[in-house]
PDB file of N, CA and C in Angstrom:
ATOM      1  N   MET A   1       8.934 -18.938  48.378  1.00  0.00           N
ATOM      2  CA  MET A   1       8.394 -17.644  46.979  1.00  0.00           C
ATOM      3  C   MET A   1       6.707 -17.161  47.342  1.00  0.00           C
ATOM      4  N   LEU A   2       6.131 -16.304  47.808  1.00  0.00           N
ATOM      5  CA  LEU A   2       5.049 -15.772  47.370  1.00  0.00           C
ATOM      6  C   LEU A   2       4.365 -15.962  46.388  1.00  0.00           C
ATOM      7  N   LEU A   3       5.355 -15.048  45.806  1.00  0.00           N
ATOM      8  CA  LEU A   3       4.375 -14.564  44.072  1.00  0.00           C
ATOM      9  C   LEU A   3       5.484 -14.837  43.065  1.00  0.00           C
ATOM     10  N   LYS A   4       4.530 -16.304  42.682  1.00  0.00           N
ATOM     11  CA  LYS A   4       5.632 -17.191  41.421  1.00  0.00           C
ATOM     12  C   LYS A   4       5.211 -16.326  39.805  1.00  0.00           C
ATOM     13  N   PRO A   5       5.901 -16.987  39.081  1.00  0.00           N
ATOM     14  CA  PRO A   5       5.620 -16.023  37.576  1.00  0.00           C
ATOM     15  C   PRO A   5       5.252 -17.067  37.032  1.00  0.00           C
ATOM     16  N   ARG A   6       3.769 -16.451  36.804  1.00  0.00           N
ATOM     17  CA  ARG A   6       2.714 -16.616  35.284  1.00  0.00           C
ATOM     18  C   ARG A   6       3.603 -17.498  35.104  1.00  0.00           C
ATOM     19  N   LYS A   7       3.322 -18.640  34.018  1.00  0.00           N
ATOM     20  CA  LYS A   7       3.537 -19.330  32.930  1.00  0.00           C
ATOM     21  C   LYS A   7       2.915 -18.951  31.792  1.00  0.00           C
ATOM     22  N   ASN A   8       3.171 -19.331  30.519  1.00  0.00           N
ATOM     23  CA  ASN A   8       2.696 -18.399  29.240  1.00  0.00           C
ATOM     24  C   ASN A   8       2.035 -19.998  28.852  1.00  0.00           C
ATOM     25  N   LYS A   9       0.835 -18.748  28.664  1.00  0.00           N
ATOM     26  CA  LYS A   9      -0.878 -19.618  28.317  1.00  0.00           C
ATOM     27  C   LYS A   9       0.147 -20.696  26.816  1.00  0.00           C
ATOM     28  N   SER A  10      -0.526 -21.895  26.631  1.00  0.00           N
ATOM     29  CA  SER A  10       0.230 -22.667  25.332  1.00  0.00           C
ATOM     30  C   SER A  10      -1.670 -22.398  24.642  1.00  0.00           C
ATOM     31  N   PHE A  11      -1.195 -23.073  23.633  1.00  0.00           N
ATOM     32  CA  PHE A  11      -2.503 -22.970  22.857  1.00  0.00           C
ATOM     33  C   PHE A  11      -2.417 -24.364  22.012  1.00  0.00           C
ATOM     34  N   SER A  12      -3.577 -25.248  21.105  1.00  0.00           N
ATOM     35  CA  SER A  12      -3.262 -26.547  19.775  1.00  0.00           C
ATOM     36  C   SER A  12      -3.683 -26.123  19.028  1.00  0.00           C
ATOM     37  N   TYR A  13      -3.464 -25.248  18.393  1.00  0.00           N
ATOM     38  CA  TYR A  13      -4.211 -24.202  17.481  1.00  0.00           C
ATOM     39  C   TYR A  13      -3.921 -25.529  15.845  1.00  0.00           C
ATOM     40  N   THR A  14      -4.081 -25.445  15.405  1.00  0.00           N
ATOM     41  CA  THR A  14      -4.875 -26.254  13.830  1.00  0.00           C
ATOM     42  C   THR A  14      -5.160 -24.922  12.685  1.00  0.00           C
ATOM     43  N   PRO A  15      -4.374 -24.719  11.937  1.00  0.00           N
ATOM     44  CA  PRO A  15      -5.132 -23.595  11.023  1.00  0.00           C
ATOM     45  C   PRO A  15      -6.183 -24.030  10.482  1.00  0.00           C
ATOM     46  N   ARG A  16      -7.189 -23.803   9.361  1.00  0.00           N
ATOM     47  CA  ARG A  16      -8.337 -24.420   8.901  1.00  0.00           C
ATOM     48  C   ARG A  16      -8.100 -24.763   7.256  1.00  0.00           C
ATOM     49  N   PHE A  17      -6.844 -23.573   7.616  1.00  0.00           N
ATOM     50  CA  PHE A  17      -6.227 -24.290   5.434  1.00  0.00           C
ATOM     51  C   PHE A  17      -5.106 -24.463   5.573  1.00  0.00           C
ATOM     52  N   SER A  18      -4.706 -25.536   6.164  1.00  0.00           N
ATOM     53  CA  SER A  18      -2.988 -25.882   6.303  1.00  0.00           C
ATOM     54  C   SER A  18      -2.665 -26.409   4.870  1.00  0.00           C
ATOM     55  N   LYS A  19      -1.634 -26.715   4.840  1.00  0.00           N
ATOM     56  CA  LYS A  19      -0.903 -27.116   3.823  1.00  0.00           C
ATOM     57  C   LYS A  19      -0.800 -28.623   3.889  1.00  0.00           C
ATOM     58  N   ASP A  20      -1.044 -29.192   4.841  1.00  0.00           N
ATOM     59  CA  ASP A  20      -1.833 -31.091   4.259  1.00  0.00           C
ATOM     60  C   ASP A  20      -3.186 -30.947   3.570  1.00  0.00           C
ATOM     61  N   ASN A  21      -3.406 -30.159   4.195  1.00  0.00           N
ATOM     62  CA  ASN A  21      -5.292 -30.212   3.550  1.00  0.00           C
ATOM     63  C   ASN A  21      -4.890 -29.679   2.154  1.00  0.00           C
ATOM     64  N   ASP A  22      -3.897 -29.102   1.005  1.00  0.00           N
ATOM     65  CA  ASP A  22      -3.450 -29.014  -0.377  1.00  0.00           C
ATOM     66  C   ASP A  22      -3.592 -29.993  -0.415  1.00  0.00           C
ATOM     67  N   ALA A  23      -3.189 -31.064  -0.021  1.00  0.00           N
ATOM     68  CA  ALA A  23      -2.904 -32.597  -1.065  1.00  0.00           C
ATOM     69  C   ALA A  23      -4.450 -33.279  -1.142  1.00  0.00           C
ATOM     70  N   ASN A  24      -5.113 -32.825  -0.702  1.00  0.00           N
ATOM     71  CA  ASN A  24      -6.124 -34.131  -0.920  1.00  0.00           C
ATOM     72  C   ASN A  24      -7.504 -32.514  -2.010  1.00  0.00           C
ATOM     73  N   THR A  25      -7.266 -32.041  -2.451  1.00  0.00           N
ATOM     74  CA  THR A  25      -7.793 -30.583  -3.386  1.00  0.00           C
ATOM     75  C   THR A  25      -7.441 -31.498  -4.907  1.00  0.00           C
ATOM     76  N   ASN A  26      -8.200 -31.129  -5.913  1.00  0.00           N
ATOM     77  CA  ASN A  26      -8.989 -31.950  -6.748  1.00  0.00           C
ATOM     78  C   ASN A  26      -7.964 -30.680  -7.876  1.00  0.00           C
ATOM     79  N   GLN A  27      -7.247 -31.636  -9.501  1.00  0.00           N
ATOM     80  CA  GLN A  27      -6.652 -30.776  -9.753  1.00  0.00           C
ATOM     81  C   GLN A  27      -7.856 -29.815 -10.981  1.00  0.00           C
ATOM     82  N   ASP A  28      -8.934 -29.702 -10.769  1.00  0.00           N
ATOM     83  CA  ASP A  28      -9.555 -28.926 -11.234  1.00  0.00           C
ATOM     84  C   ASP A  28      -9.541 -27.507 -10.575  1.00  0.00           C
ATOM     85  N   GLU A  29      -9.608 -27.764  -9.436  1.00  0.00           N
ATOM     86  CA  GLU A  29      -9.603 -26.191  -8.778  1.00  0.00           C
ATOM     87  C   GLU A  29      -8.525 -25.506  -8.179  1.00  0.00           C
ATOM     88  N   THR A  30      -7.257 -26.533  -8.118  1.00  0.00           N
ATOM     89  CA  THR A  30      -5.706 -26.374  -8.377  1.00  0.00           C
ATOM     90  C   THR A  30      -5.894 -25.355  -9.733  1.00  0.00           C
ATOM     91  N   SER A  31      -6.302 -25.805 -11.186  1.00  0.00           N
ATOM     92  CA  SER A  31      -6.142 -25.190 -12.710  1.00  0.00           C
ATOM     93  C   SER A  31      -6.816 -23.950 -12.366  1.00  0.00           C
ATOM     94  N   LYS A  32      -7.941 -23.669 -11.175  1.00  0.00           N
ATOM     95  CA  LYS A  32      -8.997 -22.808 -11.785  1.00  0.00           C
ATOM     96  C   LYS A  32      -8.348 -22.158 -10.802  1.00  0.00           C
ATOM     97  N   ILE A  33      -7.542 -22.400  -9.676  1.00  0.00           N
ATOM     98  CA  ILE A  33      -6.103 -21.020  -9.475  1.00  0.00           C
ATOM     99  C   ILE A  33      -6.000 -20.093  -9.804  1.00  0.00           C
ATOM    100  N   GLY A  34      -5.075 -21.568  -9.952  1.00  0.00           N
ATOM    101  CA  GLY A  34      -4.041 -21.019 -11.734  1.00  0.00           C
ATOM    102  C   GLY A  34      -4.148 -20.257 -13.214  1.00  0.00           C
ATOM    103  N   ASP A  35      -5.395 -20.648 -13.475  1.00  0.00           N
ATOM    104  CA  ASP A  35      -6.012 -19.450 -14.537  1.00  0.00           C
ATOM    105  C   ASP A  35      -6.849 -18.020 -13.950  1.00  0.00           C
ATOM    106  N   PHE A  36      -6.833 -17.886 -12.990  1.00  0.00           N
ATOM    107  CA  PHE A  36      -7.376 -16.732 -11.867  1.00  0.00           C
ATOM    108  C   PHE A  36      -6.523 -15.751 -11.939  1.00  0.00           C
ATOM    109  N   SER A  37      -4.918 -16.478 -10.988  1.00  0.00           N
ATOM    110  CA  SER A  37      -4.017 -15.838 -10.835  1.00  0.00           C
ATOM    111  C   SER A  37      -2.987 -14.851 -11.709  1.00  0.00           C
ATOM    112  N   SER A  38      -2.293 -15.934 -13.156  1.00  0.00           N
ATOM    113  CA  SER A  38      -2.280 -15.217 -13.810  1.00  0.00           C
ATOM    114  C   SER A  38      -3.355 -14.438 -14.355  1.00  0.00           C
ATOM    115  N   LYS A  39      -4.050 -14.155 -14.557  1.00  0.00           N
ATOM    116  CA  LYS A  39      -5.586 -13.247 -15.184  1.00  0.00           C
ATOM    117  C   LYS A  39      -5.105 -11.927 -14.039  1.00  0.00           C
ATOM    118  N   TRP A  40      -5.042 -12.247 -13.686  1.00  0.00           N
ATOM    119  CA  TRP A  40      -4.978 -11.304 -12.242  1.00  0.00           C
ATOM    120  C   TRP A  40      -3.806 -10.050 -12.181  1.00  0.00           C
ATOM    121  N   ARG A  41      -2.623 -10.694 -12.360  1.00  0.00           N
ATOM    122  CA  ARG A  41      -1.165 -10.775 -13.090  1.00  0.00           C
ATOM    123  C   ARG A  41      -1.345 -10.056 -14.385  1.00  0.00           C
ATOM    124  N   GLU A  42      -2.192 -10.362 -15.067  1.00  0.00           N
ATOM    125  CA  GLU A  42      -2.174  -9.477 -16.575  1.00  0.00           C
ATOM    126  C   GLU A  42      -2.951  -8.517 -16.460  1.00  0.00           C
ATOM    127  N   SER A  43      -3.915  -8.223 -15.925  1.00  0.00           N
ATOM    128  CA  SER A  43      -4.751  -7.254 -15.532  1.00  0.00           C
ATOM    129  C   SER A  43      -4.294  -6.203 -14.821  1.00  0.00           C
ATOM    130  N   ARG A  44      -3.816  -6.503 -13.389  1.00  0.00           N
ATOM    131  CA  ARG A  44      -3.409  -6.234 -12.499  1.00  0.00           C
ATOM    132  C   ARG A  44      -1.787  -4.901 -13.161  1.00  0.00           C
ATOM    133  N   GLY A  45      -0.791  -5.582 -14.254  1.00  0.00           N
ATOM    134  CA  GLY A  45      -0.370  -4.950 -15.134  1.00  0.00           C
ATOM    135  C   GLY A  45      -1.094  -3.134 -15.528  1.00  0.00           C
ATOM    136  N   LEU A  46      -1.941  -3.608 -16.009  1.00  0.00           N
ATOM    137  CA  LEU A  46      -2.854  -2.607 -16.849  1.00  0.00           C
ATOM    138  C   LEU A  46      -2.203  -1.508 -16.624  1.00  0.00           C
ATOM    139  N   GLY A  47      -3.376  -1.330 -15.173  1.00  0.00           N
ATOM    140  CA  GLY A  47      -3.888  -0.105 -14.422  1.00  0.00           C
ATOM    141  C   GLY A  47      -2.825   0.117 -13.716  1.00  0.00           C
ATOM    142  N   ALA A  48      -1.462  -0.306 -13.517  1.00  0.00           N
ATOM    143  CA  ALA A  48      -0.614  -0.019 -13.301  1.00  0.00           C
ATOM    144  C   ALA A  48       0.407   1.385 -13.598  1.00  0.00           C
ATOM    145  N   LYS A  49      -0.199   1.979 -14.629  1.00  0.00           N
ATOM    146  CA  LYS A  49       0.494   3.097 -15.056  1.00  0.00           C
ATOM    147  C   LYS A  49       0.123   4.396 -15.171  1.00  0.00           C
ATOM    148  N   LYS A  50      -0.154   5.072 -13.946  1.00  0.00           N
ATOM    149  CA  LYS A  50      -0.418   6.410 -13.306  1.00  0.00           C
ATOM    150  C   LYS A  50       0.376   7.786 -14.216  1.00  0.00           C
ATOM    151  N   PRO A  51      -1.000   8.616 -14.358  1.00  0.00           N
ATOM    152  CA  PRO A  51      -0.753   9.397 -15.486  1.00  0.00           C
ATOM    153  C   PRO A  51       0.439  10.833 -14.368  1.00  0.00           C
ATOM    154  N   LYS A  52       0.913  10.812 -14.437  1.00  0.00           N
ATOM    155  CA  LYS A  52       2.112  12.377 -14.264  1.00  0.00           C
ATOM    156  C   LYS A  52       1.301  13.624 -13.913  1.00  0.00           C
ATOM    157  N   ARG A  53       1.655  13.879 -12.463  1.00  0.00           N
ATOM    158  CA  ARG A  53       0.928  14.845 -11.877  1.00  0.00           C
ATOM    159  C   ARG A  53       1.245  16.159 -12.620  1.00  0.00           C
ATOM    160  N   GLY A  54       0.331  17.142 -11.985  1.00  0.00           N
ATOM    161  CA  GLY A  54       1.352  18.861 -13.200  1.00  0.00           C
ATOM    162  C   GLY A  54       2.385  19.099 -13.441  1.00  0.00           C
ATOM    163  N   LEU A  55       2.167  19.961 -11.366  1.00  0.00           N
ATOM    164  CA  LEU A  55       4.113  19.809 -11.039  1.00  0.00           C
ATOM    165  C   LEU A  55       3.990  19.672  -9.908  1.00  0.00           C
ATOM    166  N   PRO A  56       5.178  19.375  -9.849  1.00  0.00           N
ATOM    167  CA  PRO A  56       6.066  19.180  -8.201  1.00  0.00           C
ATOM    168  C   PRO A  56       6.250  20.353  -7.191  1.00  0.00           C
ATOM    169  N   LEU A  57       5.376  19.578  -5.970  1.00  0.00           N
ATOM    170  CA  LEU A  57       5.173  20.213  -4.808  1.00  0.00           C
ATOM    171  C   LEU A  57       6.188  21.483  -4.829  1.00  0.00           C
ATOM    172  N   SER A  58       7.137  21.202  -5.344  1.00  0.00           N
ATOM    173  CA  SER A  58       8.791  22.547  -4.424  1.00  0.00           C
ATOM    174  C   SER A  58       8.593  23.639  -5.345  1.00  0.00           C
ATOM    175  N   LEU A  59       8.138  22.884  -7.002  1.00  0.00           N
ATOM    176  CA  LEU A  59       8.313  24.365  -7.535  1.00  0.00           C
ATOM    177  C   LEU A  59       7.108  24.810  -7.393  1.00  0.00           C
ATOM    178  N   LEU A  60       5.425  23.611  -7.341  1.00  0.00           N
ATOM    179  CA  LEU A  60       4.547  24.945  -6.412  1.00  0.00           C
ATOM    180  C   LEU A  60       4.587  26.270  -5.219  1.00  0.00           C
ATOM    181  N   LEU A  61       5.741  25.915  -4.451  1.00  0.00           N
ATOM    182  CA  LEU A  61       6.322  26.161  -3.309  1.00  0.00           C
ATOM    183  C   LEU A  61       7.145  27.112  -3.308  1.00  0.00           C
ATOM    184  N   LEU A  62       7.887  27.154  -4.135  1.00  0.00           N
ATOM    185  CA  LEU A  62       9.062  28.678  -5.164  1.00  0.00           C
ATOM    186  C   LEU A  62       7.903  29.000  -5.433  1.00  0.00           C
ATOM    187  N   VAL A  63       7.040  29.071  -6.544  1.00  0.00           N
ATOM    188  CA  VAL A  63       5.713  29.991  -7.688  1.00  0.00           C
ATOM    189  C   VAL A  63       5.578  31.357  -6.463  1.00  0.00           C
ATOM    190  N   LEU A  64       4.950  30.298  -5.456  1.00  0.00           N
ATOM    191  CA  LEU A  64       4.639  31.139  -4.159  1.00  0.00           C
ATOM    192  C   LEU A  64       4.491  31.580  -3.294  1.00  0.00           C
ATOM    193  N   VAL A  65       6.601  31.758  -2.701  1.00  0.00           N
ATOM    194  CA  VAL A  65       7.153  32.117  -2.624  1.00  0.00           C
ATOM    195  C   VAL A  65       7.818  33.890  -3.116  1.00  0.00           C
ATOM    196  N   ILE A  66       8.040  33.624  -4.360  1.00  0.00           N
ATOM    197  CA  ILE A  66       7.353  33.940  -5.477  1.00  0.00           C
ATOM    198  C   ILE A  66       6.735  35.594  -6.042  1.00  0.00           C
ATOM    199  N   VAL A  67       6.091  35.003  -5.728  1.00  0.00           N
ATOM    200  CA  VAL A  67       4.090  35.589  -5.465  1.00  0.00           C
ATOM    201  C   VAL A  67       4.184  36.372  -4.805  1.00  0.00           C
ATOM    202  N   LEU A  68       4.352  36.051  -3.124  1.00  0.00           N
ATOM    203  CA  LEU A  68       3.972  36.697  -2.349  1.00  0.00           C
ATOM    204  C   LEU A  68       5.800  37.834  -2.181  1.00  0.00           C
ATOM    205  N   ILE A  69       6.744  37.490  -2.174  1.00  0.00           N
ATOM    206  CA  ILE A  69       8.078  38.690  -2.671  1.00  0.00           C
ATOM    207  C   ILE A  69       7.293  39.896  -3.536  1.00  0.00           C
ATOM    208  N   CYS A  70       6.604  39.163  -4.752  1.00  0.00           N
ATOM    209  CA  CYS A  70       6.415  40.174  -5.358  1.00  0.00           C
ATOM    210  C   CYS A  70       5.367  41.452  -5.030  1.00  0.00           C
ATOM    211  N   MET A  71       3.843  41.092  -3.467  1.00  0.00           N
ATOM    212  CA  MET A  71       3.070  41.725  -3.750  1.00  0.00           C
ATOM    213  C   MET A  71       3.669  42.228  -2.376  1.00  0.00           C
ATOM    214  N   TYR A  72       3.886  41.930  -2.143  1.00  0.00           N
ATOM    215  CA  TYR A  72       5.083  43.002  -0.757  1.00  0.00           C
ATOM    216  C   TYR A  72       5.466  43.912  -1.353  1.00  0.00           C
ATOM    217  N   LEU A  73       6.676  43.641  -2.515  1.00  0.00           N
ATOM    218  CA  LEU A  73       7.304  45.192  -2.765  1.00  0.00           C
ATOM    219  C   LEU A  73       6.598  45.272  -3.974  1.00  0.00           C
ATOM    220  N   LEU A  74       5.349  45.135  -4.275  1.00  0.00           N
ATOM    221  CA  LEU A  74       4.294  45.931  -5.103  1.00  0.00           C
ATOM    222  C   LEU A  74       3.845  47.369  -3.805  1.00  0.00           C
ATOM    223  N   ASP A  75       3.773  46.176  -2.389  1.00  0.00           N
ATOM    224  CA  ASP A  75       2.665  47.201  -1.640  1.00  0.00           C
ATOM    225  C   ASP A  75       3.967  48.605  -1.212  1.00  0.00           C
ATOM    226  N   ILE A  76       4.579  47.843  -1.393  1.00  0.00           N
ATOM    227  CA  ILE A  76       5.789  49.357  -0.925  1.00  0.00           C
ATOM    228  C   ILE A  76       5.697  50.507  -2.118  1.00  0.00           C
ATOM    229  N   LYS A  77       6.313  49.759  -2.754  1.00  0.00           N
ATOM    230  CA  LYS A  77       6.241  50.860  -3.952  1.00  0.00           C
ATOM    231  C   LYS A  77       4.877  51.553  -3.995  1.00  0.00           C
ATOM    232  N   SER A  78       3.567  51.127  -3.485  1.00  0.00           N
ATOM    233  CA  SER A  78       2.483  51.944  -3.963  1.00  0.00           C
ATOM    234  C   SER A  78       2.218  52.861  -2.463  1.00  0.00           C
ATOM    235  N   LYS A  79       3.282  52.835  -1.718  1.00  0.00           N
ATOM    236  CA  LYS A  79       3.283  53.755  -0.805  1.00  0.00           C
ATOM    237  C   LYS A  79       4.173  54.789  -0.968  1.00  0.00           C
TER     238      LYS A  79
END
């Protein structure tokens, strides 16, 4: 065989923040994270309500078509 298939590269990757490191954290840090997440959930719900838009796009297109038809009819009658 002249051309051998190329082997996939393998890496020995260890993540910076793995679950093994979580066991070493202090209770103070976990309580701060829990406090932050609860505040985030509360504040996220306040701005979630969006005001309704004026008119839907389909209604605007319908009005545009009606206006164009009216303009065409008026142009024909004026001639």
